[in-house]
Amino acid sequence: MVQKLKKAKSSTKNFSRPQIKWIRKIVKVRRITKVVKGGKKLRFGALVIVGNGKGRVGVGVGKADDVVEAVKKAENNGRRNLIDVPLTKVSSIPYSVTGQYGACNVLLKPARDGSGVIAGGAVRILLEAAGVQNILAKQLGSNNLLNNARATICALESLKTL
């Protein structure tokens, strides 16, 4: 008995979506050692900030046995936790806001056109990935990179537009 195989129909419709260009910034890669029965087990943890430069940004954390896998996991985690940032005409935020996460406080103030991103550490990386071009920021309290990034996310989430 001969079985005829059907050919797959070629679709004439084009279902292509517009591709979003994501900005991926690796903030920190750290070694994590765990003492187990046979000795020490070495793993890696990564902190990655993902944004599109047009008002969407997220922070992701991932752990794995090698650096590449940890970064991939962190990037996927960041894409799952995206937030929208309201931007003004001069690529700034509408008003001053403070964010708090753990022992970290981050103060964000809008700046006039041409000021640039005046911030440091993870806050600067996050704001650049979000597409903010004119802003003043100050880290208050702890210098922990992850907590400062999450405090910045809390501050940007609290922004409202009319």
N, C-alpha and C. Protein backbone atom coordinates (compact mmCIF):
# COMPACT_ATOMS: atom_id res chain seq x y z
N MET A 1 0.84 -1.17 0.00
CA MET A 1 0.00 0.00 0.00
C MET A 1 0.89 1.24 0.00
N VAL A 2 0.73 2.06 -0.98
CA VAL A 2 1.54 3.26 -1.13
C VAL A 2 0.78 4.42 -0.49
N GLN A 3 1.50 5.11 0.36
CA GLN A 3 0.87 6.24 1.05
C GLN A 3 1.36 7.52 0.40
N LYS A 4 0.42 8.38 0.06
CA LYS A 4 0.79 9.66 -0.56
C LYS A 4 1.00 10.69 0.54
N LEU A 5 2.09 11.40 0.41
CA LEU A 5 2.37 12.48 1.36
C LEU A 5 1.86 13.80 0.80
N LYS A 6 1.18 14.50 1.66
CA LYS A 6 0.66 15.80 1.24
C LYS A 6 1.75 16.85 1.43
N LYS A 7 1.85 17.73 0.46
CA LYS A 7 2.80 18.82 0.57
C LYS A 7 2.20 19.91 1.44
N ALA A 8 3.05 20.53 2.21
CA ALA A 8 2.59 21.64 3.03
C ALA A 8 2.28 22.83 2.13
N LYS A 9 1.13 23.44 2.38
CA LYS A 9 0.75 24.59 1.58
C LYS A 9 1.62 25.79 1.95
N SER A 10 2.06 26.46 0.94
CA SER A 10 2.84 27.67 1.22
C SER A 10 1.85 28.82 1.41
N SER A 11 2.00 29.48 2.50
CA SER A 11 1.08 30.56 2.85
C SER A 11 1.46 31.82 2.09
N THR A 12 0.46 32.46 1.52
CA THR A 12 0.70 33.71 0.81
C THR A 12 0.57 34.90 1.75
N LYS A 13 -0.01 34.66 2.92
CA LYS A 13 -0.17 35.75 3.87
C LYS A 13 1.14 35.97 4.61
N ASN A 14 1.41 37.21 4.89
CA ASN A 14 2.63 37.56 5.61
C ASN A 14 2.25 37.96 7.03
N PHE A 15 2.56 37.11 7.98
CA PHE A 15 2.19 37.36 9.37
C PHE A 15 3.36 37.93 10.17
N SER A 16 4.26 38.63 9.52
CA SER A 16 5.42 39.14 10.24
C SER A 16 5.04 40.32 11.12
N ARG A 17 5.48 40.25 12.36
CA ARG A 17 5.24 41.34 13.30
C ARG A 17 6.43 42.29 13.24
N PRO A 18 6.21 43.55 13.59
CA PRO A 18 7.37 44.44 13.63
C PRO A 18 8.32 44.01 14.73
N GLN A 19 9.57 43.82 14.38
CA GLN A 19 10.57 43.36 15.33
C GLN A 19 11.00 44.50 16.25
N ILE A 20 10.96 44.24 17.55
CA ILE A 20 11.37 45.24 18.53
C ILE A 20 12.86 45.06 18.80
N LYS A 21 13.60 46.13 18.73
CA LYS A 21 15.04 46.10 19.00
C LYS A 21 15.25 46.28 20.50
N TRP A 22 15.65 45.20 21.18
CA TRP A 22 15.84 45.24 22.62
C TRP A 22 17.28 45.60 22.95
N ILE A 23 17.42 46.43 23.97
CA ILE A 23 18.73 46.78 24.51
C ILE A 23 18.96 45.89 25.73
N ARG A 24 20.05 45.13 25.72
CA ARG A 24 20.38 44.25 26.84
C ARG A 24 21.68 44.71 27.47
N LYS A 25 21.62 45.09 28.73
CA LYS A 25 22.81 45.55 29.45
C LYS A 25 23.08 44.61 30.62
N ILE A 26 24.26 44.03 30.63
CA ILE A 26 24.66 43.16 31.74
C ILE A 26 25.28 44.05 32.81
N VAL A 27 24.62 44.13 33.96
CA VAL A 27 25.08 45.00 35.04
C VAL A 27 26.12 44.30 35.89
N LYS A 28 25.85 43.05 36.25
CA LYS A 28 26.77 42.35 37.14
C LYS A 28 26.68 40.85 36.93
N VAL A 29 27.84 40.20 36.94
CA VAL A 29 27.91 38.74 36.96
C VAL A 29 28.73 38.38 38.18
N ARG A 30 28.17 37.53 39.04
CA ARG A 30 28.89 37.18 40.26
C ARG A 30 29.00 35.67 40.40
N ARG A 31 30.07 35.26 41.10
CA ARG A 31 30.27 33.84 41.37
C ARG A 31 29.59 33.49 42.67
N ILE A 32 28.88 32.37 42.68
CA ILE A 32 28.20 31.89 43.88
C ILE A 32 28.77 30.52 44.19
N THR A 33 29.33 30.35 45.38
CA THR A 33 29.84 29.04 45.77
C THR A 33 28.99 28.48 46.89
N LYS A 34 28.69 27.21 46.78
CA LYS A 34 27.91 26.51 47.79
C LYS A 34 28.73 25.32 48.27
N VAL A 35 28.87 25.19 49.56
CA VAL A 35 29.62 24.07 50.11
C VAL A 35 28.70 22.86 50.20
N VAL A 36 29.08 21.80 49.51
CA VAL A 36 28.31 20.55 49.50
C VAL A 36 29.19 19.43 50.01
N LYS A 37 28.64 18.23 50.07
CA LYS A 37 29.34 17.08 50.64
C LYS A 37 30.68 16.80 49.96
N GLY A 38 30.72 16.90 48.65
CA GLY A 38 31.94 16.58 47.91
C GLY A 38 32.92 17.73 47.79
N GLY A 39 32.59 18.91 48.27
CA GLY A 39 33.47 20.07 48.15
C GLY A 39 32.64 21.33 47.93
N LYS A 40 33.08 22.16 46.98
CA LYS A 40 32.37 23.40 46.68
C LYS A 40 31.75 23.33 45.29
N LYS A 41 30.53 23.83 45.17
CA LYS A 41 29.86 23.88 43.87
C LYS A 41 29.83 25.33 43.41
N LEU A 42 30.34 25.59 42.22
CA LEU A 42 30.43 26.93 41.68
C LEU A 42 29.29 27.18 40.71
N ARG A 43 28.58 28.29 40.92
CA ARG A 43 27.52 28.73 40.01
C ARG A 43 27.72 30.21 39.73
N PHE A 44 26.91 30.75 38.82
CA PHE A 44 27.02 32.17 38.47
C PHE A 44 25.63 32.81 38.53
N GLY A 45 25.61 34.05 38.98
CA GLY A 45 24.38 34.83 39.02
C GLY A 45 24.57 36.08 38.17
N ALA A 46 23.54 36.46 37.42
CA ALA A 46 23.64 37.62 36.53
C ALA A 46 22.49 38.58 36.79
N LEU A 47 22.80 39.87 36.71
CA LEU A 47 21.81 40.94 36.78
C LEU A 47 21.81 41.63 35.43
N VAL A 48 20.66 41.61 34.74
CA VAL A 48 20.56 42.15 33.39
C VAL A 48 19.39 43.12 33.33
N ILE A 49 19.60 44.23 32.62
CA ILE A 49 18.54 45.22 32.39
C ILE A 49 18.19 45.17 30.91
N VAL A 50 16.89 45.05 30.63
CA VAL A 50 16.39 44.94 29.26
C VAL A 50 15.45 46.10 29.00
N GLY A 51 15.63 46.79 27.88
CA GLY A 51 14.75 47.90 27.52
C GLY A 51 14.71 48.07 26.02
N ASN A 52 13.75 48.88 25.55
CA ASN A 52 13.66 49.12 24.11
C ASN A 52 14.06 50.54 23.74
N GLY A 53 14.42 51.37 24.72
CA GLY A 53 14.83 52.74 24.44
C GLY A 53 13.68 53.66 24.13
N LYS A 54 12.45 53.17 24.28
CA LYS A 54 11.26 53.97 23.97
C LYS A 54 10.24 53.94 25.09
N GLY A 55 10.69 53.68 26.32
CA GLY A 55 9.77 53.74 27.45
C GLY A 55 9.41 52.41 28.07
N ARG A 56 10.02 51.31 27.64
CA ARG A 56 9.77 50.01 28.27
C ARG A 56 11.09 49.47 28.80
N VAL A 57 11.07 49.02 30.07
CA VAL A 57 12.30 48.56 30.70
C VAL A 57 11.96 47.51 31.75
N GLY A 58 12.90 46.60 32.00
CA GLY A 58 12.71 45.57 33.02
C GLY A 58 14.05 45.12 33.59
N VAL A 59 14.01 44.62 34.81
CA VAL A 59 15.20 44.12 35.49
C VAL A 59 15.04 42.62 35.68
N GLY A 60 16.08 41.86 35.36
CA GLY A 60 16.02 40.41 35.49
C GLY A 60 17.23 39.85 36.19
N VAL A 61 17.00 38.76 36.93
CA VAL A 61 18.06 38.07 37.65
C VAL A 61 18.01 36.60 37.25
N GLY A 62 19.18 35.99 37.04
CA GLY A 62 19.23 34.57 36.69
C GLY A 62 20.46 33.91 37.28
N LYS A 63 20.32 32.62 37.61
CA LYS A 63 21.45 31.85 38.14
C LYS A 63 21.57 30.56 37.33
N ALA A 64 22.80 30.16 37.05
CA ALA A 64 23.04 28.92 36.31
C ALA A 64 24.47 28.46 36.53
N ASP A 65 24.79 27.28 35.97
CA ASP A 65 26.13 26.70 36.14
C ASP A 65 27.19 27.41 35.29
N ASP A 66 26.78 28.10 34.21
CA ASP A 66 27.74 28.87 33.43
C ASP A 66 27.18 30.27 33.17
N VAL A 67 28.06 31.18 32.79
CA VAL A 67 27.72 32.60 32.68
C VAL A 67 26.69 32.84 31.57
N VAL A 68 26.85 32.18 30.43
CA VAL A 68 25.96 32.41 29.29
C VAL A 68 24.52 32.04 29.64
N GLU A 69 24.33 30.91 30.29
CA GLU A 69 22.99 30.48 30.69
C GLU A 69 22.41 31.43 31.73
N ALA A 70 23.22 31.90 32.66
CA ALA A 70 22.75 32.83 33.68
C ALA A 70 22.27 34.14 33.05
N VAL A 71 23.00 34.62 32.05
CA VAL A 71 22.62 35.86 31.36
C VAL A 71 21.33 35.65 30.58
N LYS A 72 21.19 34.49 29.91
CA LYS A 72 19.95 34.20 29.16
C LYS A 72 18.74 34.15 30.09
N LYS A 73 18.91 33.48 31.24
CA LYS A 73 17.81 33.40 32.20
C LYS A 73 17.44 34.78 32.74
N ALA A 74 18.45 35.59 33.01
CA ALA A 74 18.20 36.93 33.52
C ALA A 74 17.50 37.79 32.48
N GLU A 75 17.88 37.65 31.21
CA GLU A 75 17.25 38.41 30.14
C GLU A 75 15.78 38.02 29.99
N ASN A 76 15.49 36.72 30.03
CA ASN A 76 14.09 36.26 29.95
C ASN A 76 13.29 36.77 31.14
N ASN A 77 13.89 36.76 32.32
CA ASN A 77 13.23 37.25 33.52
C ASN A 77 12.94 38.74 33.38
N GLY A 78 13.87 39.50 32.83
CA GLY A 78 13.68 40.93 32.62
C GLY A 78 12.57 41.23 31.62
N ARG A 79 12.48 40.42 30.57
CA ARG A 79 11.41 40.64 29.58
C ARG A 79 10.04 40.30 30.14
N ARG A 80 9.98 39.40 31.13
CA ARG A 80 8.71 39.07 31.77
C ARG A 80 8.24 40.17 32.72
N ASN A 81 9.17 41.00 33.20
CA ASN A 81 8.84 42.01 34.20
C ASN A 81 9.00 43.43 33.65
N LEU A 82 8.52 43.66 32.44
CA LEU A 82 8.65 44.98 31.83
C LEU A 82 7.63 45.96 32.40
N ILE A 83 8.05 47.23 32.50
CA ILE A 83 7.13 48.29 32.89
C ILE A 83 7.18 49.38 31.82
N ASP A 84 6.13 50.21 31.77
CA ASP A 84 6.09 51.35 30.85
C ASP A 84 6.46 52.61 31.61
N VAL A 85 7.33 53.42 31.02
CA VAL A 85 7.78 54.66 31.63
C VAL A 85 7.19 55.82 30.84
N PRO A 86 6.42 56.70 31.48
CA PRO A 86 5.91 57.87 30.76
C PRO A 86 7.03 58.88 30.52
N LEU A 87 7.24 59.25 29.26
CA LEU A 87 8.28 60.20 28.89
C LEU A 87 7.67 61.49 28.38
N THR A 88 8.34 62.62 28.64
CA THR A 88 7.89 63.91 28.14
C THR A 88 8.48 64.15 26.75
N LYS A 89 8.21 65.32 26.17
CA LYS A 89 8.72 65.64 24.84
C LYS A 89 10.24 65.73 24.80
N VAL A 90 10.84 66.10 25.93
CA VAL A 90 12.31 66.23 25.99
C VAL A 90 12.96 64.97 26.54
N SER A 91 12.27 63.84 26.48
CA SER A 91 12.76 62.54 26.95
C SER A 91 13.17 62.58 28.42
N SER A 92 12.29 63.12 29.24
CA SER A 92 12.50 63.17 30.68
C SER A 92 11.26 62.59 31.35
N ILE A 93 11.21 62.62 32.67
CA ILE A 93 10.02 62.17 33.39
C ILE A 93 9.16 63.38 33.72
N PRO A 94 7.85 63.20 33.95
CA PRO A 94 6.97 64.36 34.17
C PRO A 94 7.24 65.14 35.45
N TYR A 95 7.60 64.47 36.54
CA TYR A 95 7.79 65.15 37.82
C TYR A 95 8.74 64.34 38.70
N SER A 96 9.18 64.95 39.81
CA SER A 96 10.10 64.29 40.74
C SER A 96 9.42 63.13 41.45
N VAL A 97 10.18 62.08 41.70
CA VAL A 97 9.63 60.90 42.34
C VAL A 97 10.74 60.19 43.11
N THR A 98 10.35 59.50 44.18
CA THR A 98 11.29 58.72 44.97
C THR A 98 10.83 57.27 44.99
N GLY A 99 11.79 56.35 44.85
CA GLY A 99 11.49 54.93 44.92
C GLY A 99 12.27 54.28 46.03
N GLN A 100 11.68 53.30 46.68
CA GLN A 100 12.34 52.62 47.79
C GLN A 100 12.22 51.12 47.61
N TYR A 101 13.33 50.42 47.82
CA TYR A 101 13.35 48.97 47.81
C TYR A 101 14.43 48.53 48.79
N GLY A 102 14.04 47.82 49.82
CA GLY A 102 14.99 47.42 50.85
C GLY A 102 15.57 48.64 51.54
N ALA A 103 16.89 48.70 51.64
CA ALA A 103 17.55 49.84 52.27
C ALA A 103 17.92 50.92 51.26
N CYS A 104 17.51 50.76 49.99
CA CYS A 104 17.88 51.71 48.94
C CYS A 104 16.75 52.69 48.67
N ASN A 105 17.10 53.94 48.57
CA ASN A 105 16.19 54.99 48.13
C ASN A 105 16.80 55.63 46.90
N VAL A 106 15.98 55.88 45.88
CA VAL A 106 16.45 56.52 44.66
C VAL A 106 15.56 57.72 44.39
N LEU A 107 16.18 58.88 44.23
CA LEU A 107 15.48 60.12 43.93
C LEU A 107 15.66 60.44 42.46
N LEU A 108 14.57 60.64 41.74
CA LEU A 108 14.61 60.97 40.32
C LEU A 108 13.96 62.33 40.11
N LYS A 109 14.67 63.23 39.40
CA LYS A 109 14.15 64.56 39.11
C LYS A 109 14.21 64.81 37.61
N PRO A 110 13.18 65.42 37.03
CA PRO A 110 13.25 65.75 35.61
C PRO A 110 14.29 66.84 35.37
N ALA A 111 14.88 66.84 34.18
CA ALA A 111 15.90 67.83 33.83
C ALA A 111 15.53 68.46 32.49
N ARG A 112 16.09 69.64 32.24
CA ARG A 112 15.80 70.32 30.99
C ARG A 112 16.57 69.68 29.83
N ASP A 113 16.19 70.04 28.64
CA ASP A 113 16.76 69.45 27.44
C ASP A 113 18.26 69.74 27.36
N GLY A 114 19.04 68.71 27.06
CA GLY A 114 20.48 68.85 26.93
C GLY A 114 21.25 68.51 28.19
N SER A 115 20.56 68.18 29.28
CA SER A 115 21.24 67.87 30.55
C SER A 115 21.91 66.51 30.52
N GLY A 116 21.30 65.55 29.87
CA GLY A 116 21.83 64.19 29.84
C GLY A 116 21.37 63.41 31.05
N VAL A 117 21.86 62.19 31.17
CA VAL A 117 21.51 61.32 32.30
C VAL A 117 22.58 61.52 33.37
N ILE A 118 22.19 62.19 34.44
CA ILE A 118 23.11 62.42 35.55
C ILE A 118 22.73 61.43 36.65
N ALA A 119 23.37 60.29 36.62
CA ALA A 119 23.08 59.20 37.57
C ALA A 119 24.28 58.28 37.58
N GLY A 120 24.28 57.35 38.51
CA GLY A 120 25.39 56.43 38.60
C GLY A 120 24.93 55.00 38.79
N GLY A 121 25.83 54.07 38.51
CA GLY A 121 25.58 52.66 38.77
C GLY A 121 24.45 52.08 37.95
N ALA A 122 23.68 51.23 38.60
CA ALA A 122 22.59 50.53 37.91
C ALA A 122 21.46 51.49 37.52
N VAL A 123 21.32 52.60 38.25
CA VAL A 123 20.27 53.57 37.95
C VAL A 123 20.51 54.17 36.58
N ARG A 124 21.74 54.51 36.27
CA ARG A 124 22.08 55.10 34.98
C ARG A 124 21.80 54.11 33.84
N ILE A 125 22.24 52.88 34.01
CA ILE A 125 22.03 51.86 32.98
C ILE A 125 20.55 51.65 32.72
N LEU A 126 19.76 51.59 33.80
CA LEU A 126 18.33 51.36 33.67
C LEU A 126 17.65 52.52 32.95
N LEU A 127 17.99 53.76 33.31
CA LEU A 127 17.37 54.93 32.69
C LEU A 127 17.74 55.05 31.22
N GLU A 128 18.98 54.70 30.86
CA GLU A 128 19.39 54.74 29.46
C GLU A 128 18.66 53.67 28.65
N ALA A 129 18.47 52.48 29.23
CA ALA A 129 17.75 51.42 28.53
C ALA A 129 16.28 51.76 28.35
N ALA A 130 15.73 52.57 29.27
CA ALA A 130 14.33 52.98 29.18
C ALA A 130 14.12 54.08 28.14
N GLY A 131 15.19 54.75 27.74
CA GLY A 131 15.07 55.82 26.75
C GLY A 131 14.99 57.20 27.36
N VAL A 132 15.24 57.32 28.66
CA VAL A 132 15.25 58.62 29.32
C VAL A 132 16.58 59.29 28.98
N GLN A 133 16.53 60.54 28.48
CA GLN A 133 17.75 61.20 28.05
C GLN A 133 18.12 62.40 28.92
N ASN A 134 17.17 62.97 29.66
CA ASN A 134 17.43 64.13 30.49
C ASN A 134 16.84 63.90 31.87
N ILE A 135 17.70 63.62 32.85
CA ILE A 135 17.21 63.30 34.19
C ILE A 135 18.34 63.47 35.20
N LEU A 136 17.96 63.80 36.43
CA LEU A 136 18.89 63.85 37.55
C LEU A 136 18.48 62.74 38.51
N ALA A 137 19.44 61.96 38.99
CA ALA A 137 19.12 60.87 39.91
C ALA A 137 20.16 60.81 41.01
N LYS A 138 19.71 60.41 42.20
CA LYS A 138 20.60 60.27 43.34
C LYS A 138 20.25 59.01 44.09
N GLN A 139 21.29 58.18 44.36
CA GLN A 139 21.10 56.98 45.16
C GLN A 139 21.29 57.37 46.63
N LEU A 140 20.33 57.01 47.46
CA LEU A 140 20.41 57.30 48.89
C LEU A 140 20.37 55.98 49.63
N GLY A 141 21.21 55.82 50.63
CA GLY A 141 21.22 54.57 51.38
C GLY A 141 22.24 53.61 50.82
N SER A 142 21.84 52.40 50.57
CA SER A 142 22.74 51.32 50.17
C SER A 142 23.24 51.49 48.73
N ASN A 143 24.38 50.88 48.43
CA ASN A 143 24.94 50.89 47.08
C ASN A 143 24.74 49.56 46.36
N ASN A 144 23.87 48.70 46.86
CA ASN A 144 23.60 47.40 46.25
C ASN A 144 23.01 47.61 44.85
N LEU A 145 23.64 47.03 43.82
CA LEU A 145 23.20 47.25 42.44
C LEU A 145 21.78 46.76 42.19
N LEU A 146 21.47 45.55 42.65
CA LEU A 146 20.15 44.98 42.40
C LEU A 146 19.07 45.79 43.11
N ASN A 147 19.28 46.13 44.37
CA ASN A 147 18.27 46.89 45.11
C ASN A 147 18.11 48.30 44.55
N ASN A 148 19.19 48.92 44.08
CA ASN A 148 19.07 50.24 43.46
C ASN A 148 18.29 50.16 42.15
N ALA A 149 18.51 49.11 41.36
CA ALA A 149 17.75 48.95 40.12
C ALA A 149 16.27 48.74 40.43
N ARG A 150 15.97 47.92 41.44
CA ARG A 150 14.57 47.69 41.80
C ARG A 150 13.92 48.92 42.41
N ALA A 151 14.68 49.72 43.15
CA ALA A 151 14.15 50.97 43.69
C ALA A 151 13.83 51.94 42.56
N THR A 152 14.66 51.96 41.52
CA THR A 152 14.39 52.80 40.36
C THR A 152 13.13 52.33 39.63
N ILE A 153 12.96 51.02 39.52
CA ILE A 153 11.73 50.47 38.91
C ILE A 153 10.51 50.90 39.72
N CYS A 154 10.60 50.84 41.06
CA CYS A 154 9.49 51.26 41.92
C CYS A 154 9.17 52.73 41.70
N ALA A 155 10.20 53.56 41.56
CA ALA A 155 9.99 54.99 41.32
C ALA A 155 9.32 55.23 39.97
N LEU A 156 9.80 54.54 38.93
CA LEU A 156 9.23 54.73 37.59
C LEU A 156 7.80 54.17 37.50
N GLU A 157 7.50 53.11 38.27
CA GLU A 157 6.14 52.56 38.28
C GLU A 157 5.15 53.52 38.91
N SER A 158 5.63 54.32 39.88
CA SER A 158 4.72 55.22 40.59
C SER A 158 4.38 56.48 39.78
N LEU A 159 5.05 56.68 38.63
CA LEU A 159 4.74 57.84 37.78
C LEU A 159 3.38 57.66 37.12
N LYS A 160 2.59 58.69 37.15
CA LYS A 160 1.27 58.68 36.52
C LYS A 160 1.21 59.77 35.45
N THR A 161 0.44 59.55 34.41
CA THR A 161 0.23 60.58 33.39
C THR A 161 -1.23 60.99 33.40
N LEU A 162 -1.49 62.20 32.98
CA LEU A 162 -2.87 62.70 32.97
C LEU A 162 -3.54 62.42 31.66
